[in-house]
Protein backbone atom coordinates (compact mmCIF):
# COMPACT_ATOMS: atom_id res chain seq x y z
CA MET A 1 158.61 138.10 27.25
CA ARG A 2 156.99 137.38 30.98
CA VAL A 3 154.80 134.31 31.08
CA VAL A 4 151.76 135.11 33.45
CA ILE A 5 149.13 132.64 34.77
CA ALA A 6 146.29 134.33 36.31
CA ALA A 7 144.35 131.29 37.96
CA VAL A 8 140.88 131.51 39.76
CA GLY A 9 141.48 129.61 43.30
CA ARG A 10 144.81 128.73 45.22
CA LEU A 11 146.65 125.55 45.31
CA LYS A 12 146.38 124.41 49.32
CA GLN A 13 149.62 122.97 50.47
CA GLY A 14 150.30 119.28 49.42
CA PRO A 15 151.43 117.42 46.47
CA GLU A 16 149.47 119.36 43.62
CA ARG A 17 151.57 122.59 45.03
CA GLU A 18 154.85 120.75 44.88
CA LEU A 19 154.25 119.44 41.67
CA ALA A 20 153.27 122.96 40.32
CA ALA A 21 156.23 124.06 41.93
CA ALA A 22 158.66 121.78 40.82
CA TYR A 23 157.09 122.62 36.88
CA ARG A 24 157.36 126.17 37.59
CA LYS A 25 161.16 126.11 38.36
CA ARG A 26 161.78 123.84 34.90
CA VAL A 27 160.03 126.55 32.93
CA GLU A 28 161.94 128.97 34.66
CA THR A 29 165.50 126.92 34.26
CA ILE A 30 165.07 126.56 30.55
CA GLY A 31 162.73 129.75 29.47
CA ARG A 32 166.03 131.69 30.87
CA GLY A 33 167.65 131.16 27.86
CA LEU A 34 164.91 131.31 25.35
CA GLY A 35 164.02 134.74 26.41
CA LEU A 36 161.17 133.84 29.06
CA ARG A 37 162.00 135.89 31.82
CA GLU A 38 159.96 134.62 34.49
CA ILE A 39 156.83 132.91 35.31
CA GLU A 40 154.34 134.50 37.62
CA ILE A 41 151.45 133.18 38.78
CA VAL A 42 148.73 135.18 40.09
CA GLU A 43 146.02 133.68 42.00
CA ILE A 44 142.60 135.08 42.38
CA ARG A 45 140.29 134.65 45.19
CA GLU A 46 137.06 132.76 44.15
CA SER A 47 133.61 134.79 44.00
CA ARG A 48 131.44 134.18 46.73
CA ALA A 49 128.38 135.42 45.09
CA GLN A 50 125.13 133.56 45.15
CA ASP A 51 124.70 133.91 41.37
CA ALA A 52 126.98 132.06 38.98
CA GLU A 53 126.82 134.78 36.43
CA ARG A 54 128.00 137.44 39.14
CA ARG A 55 130.75 134.84 39.93
CA ARG A 56 131.82 134.98 36.50
CA THR A 57 131.85 138.48 36.38
CA GLU A 58 133.51 139.09 39.20
CA GLU A 59 136.50 136.47 39.17
CA SER A 60 136.92 138.04 35.13
CA ILE A 61 137.13 141.59 36.62
CA ALA A 62 139.88 140.48 38.71
CA ILE A 63 141.82 138.84 36.04
CA ALA A 64 141.45 141.15 33.55
CA ASN A 65 143.13 143.62 36.57
CA VAL A 66 146.38 141.75 36.83
CA ILE A 67 146.59 140.98 32.66
CA PRO A 68 149.90 143.04 31.44
CA ASP A 69 149.61 145.79 29.09
CA ARG A 70 150.14 144.47 25.65
CA ALA A 71 150.24 140.73 26.69
CA ILE A 72 148.47 138.68 24.58
CA VAL A 73 145.82 136.65 26.28
CA ALA A 74 145.06 133.34 26.15
CA ILE A 75 142.38 131.46 27.97
CA LEU A 76 141.89 127.71 28.94
CA ASP A 77 138.53 126.65 27.62
CA GLU A 78 137.27 123.11 27.03
CA ARG A 79 135.90 124.29 23.73
CA GLY A 80 139.00 125.56 22.83
CA ALA A 81 141.73 124.17 20.20
CA ASN A 82 143.61 121.19 21.12
CA LEU A 83 146.94 121.90 20.21
CA ASP A 84 150.11 119.61 20.53
CA SER A 85 152.77 120.68 22.37
CA ALA A 86 154.54 121.40 19.11
CA GLY A 87 152.14 124.07 18.37
CA LEU A 88 152.13 125.88 21.86
CA ALA A 89 156.16 125.97 21.37
CA ALA A 90 155.48 127.41 18.07
CA LEU A 91 153.28 129.77 19.22
CA LEU A 92 154.94 130.57 22.11
CA ARG A 93 158.26 131.60 19.54
CA GLU A 94 155.77 133.12 17.23
CA TRP A 95 154.80 135.53 20.09
CA ARG A 96 158.63 136.07 21.66
CA ALA A 97 159.15 136.97 17.87
CA GLU A 98 156.36 140.20 17.92
CA ASP A 99 158.34 141.05 20.80
CA ARG A 100 155.14 141.27 22.73
CA SER A 101 156.02 142.17 26.59
CA ALA A 102 153.98 139.18 28.42
CA VAL A 103 151.88 136.11 27.63
CA CYS A 104 148.51 135.69 30.13
CA PHE A 105 147.25 132.57 30.41
CA VAL A 106 143.94 132.62 32.37
CA VAL A 107 142.61 129.45 34.37
CA GLY A 108 139.01 130.75 35.09
CA GLY A 109 136.78 129.21 38.30
CA ALA A 110 134.23 126.53 38.15
CA ASP A 111 131.73 129.08 36.64
CA GLY A 112 134.20 129.76 33.66
CA LEU A 113 134.98 133.12 32.13
CA ALA A 114 132.81 136.15 31.42
CA GLN A 115 132.50 136.79 27.72
CA SER A 116 134.27 139.95 27.77
CA LEU A 117 137.18 138.24 29.13
CA ARG A 118 136.80 135.07 26.21
CA ASP A 119 136.49 137.83 23.39
CA ARG A 120 139.99 139.34 24.69
CA ALA A 121 141.64 136.06 23.92
CA LYS A 122 143.78 135.57 21.37
CA LEU A 123 144.23 131.48 21.79
CA LYS A 124 141.39 129.74 23.43
CA LEU A 125 143.36 126.52 24.56
CA ALA A 126 141.69 122.73 25.63
CA PHE A 127 143.27 119.85 27.01
CA GLY A 128 140.86 117.38 25.73
CA ALA A 129 137.08 117.61 25.75
CA ALA A 130 136.88 116.83 29.64
CA THR A 131 136.32 118.99 32.15
CA TRP A 132 139.03 119.30 34.47
CA PRO A 133 139.92 121.00 38.00
CA HIS A 134 141.23 124.48 37.86
CA GLN A 135 144.21 123.00 40.29
CA LEU A 136 145.03 120.15 37.91
CA VAL A 137 144.52 122.61 34.47
CA ARG A 138 147.11 124.96 36.39
CA ILE A 139 149.67 121.60 36.74
CA MET A 140 149.04 120.41 33.06
CA LEU A 141 149.72 124.04 31.91
CA LEU A 142 152.83 124.47 33.73
CA GLU A 143 153.95 120.75 32.54
CA GLN A 144 153.43 122.11 28.84
CA LEU A 145 154.87 124.97 28.97
CA TYR A 146 158.39 123.44 30.09
CA ARG A 147 157.94 120.99 27.32
CA ALA A 148 157.34 123.87 24.95
CA GLY A 149 160.29 125.10 26.17
CA THR A 150 162.52 121.86 25.71
CA ILE A 151 160.85 121.48 22.12
CA LEU A 152 162.10 125.15 21.56
CA ALA A 153 165.65 124.80 23.10
CA GLY A 154 166.15 121.24 21.44
CA HIS A 155 166.22 119.57 24.73
CA PRO A 156 165.00 115.33 24.34
CA TYR A 157 162.23 115.57 26.91
CA HIS A 158 159.91 115.97 24.47
CA ARG A 159 159.85 112.73 22.08
CA ALA A 160 157.19 112.84 19.64
């Protein structure tokens, strides 16, 4: 199963990009033995429209265009479910068992996502009630994917 992260904005050179790359490599390494073929990160250009609704629409259309066919869509949303790491691992196991081609995690921009894209999501996932910068959300998601992989592999990284 492919894992796609479609994220509005790009990580600039620096420690955030380096940390994201380190977790991506870890996920890919542990994921090979778990049937997770690759981690693909697609950076979506931030809309420059003047109106927030227009920005949301433009960014959501660009995201929708990169979601693979038959992929499970999971959006990161501060109003979403607060899953623990074992819960995320269980979902990945379930989706892999369903023989889905891909799961696409969506990290929206500052204005959020269009309702049409939100409606398409099988999972709305929160990292707590706080609002996080999208760059940090991407890093936190990569870490959680790595942690989920270690849980599925029986690796001692996760000690809960």
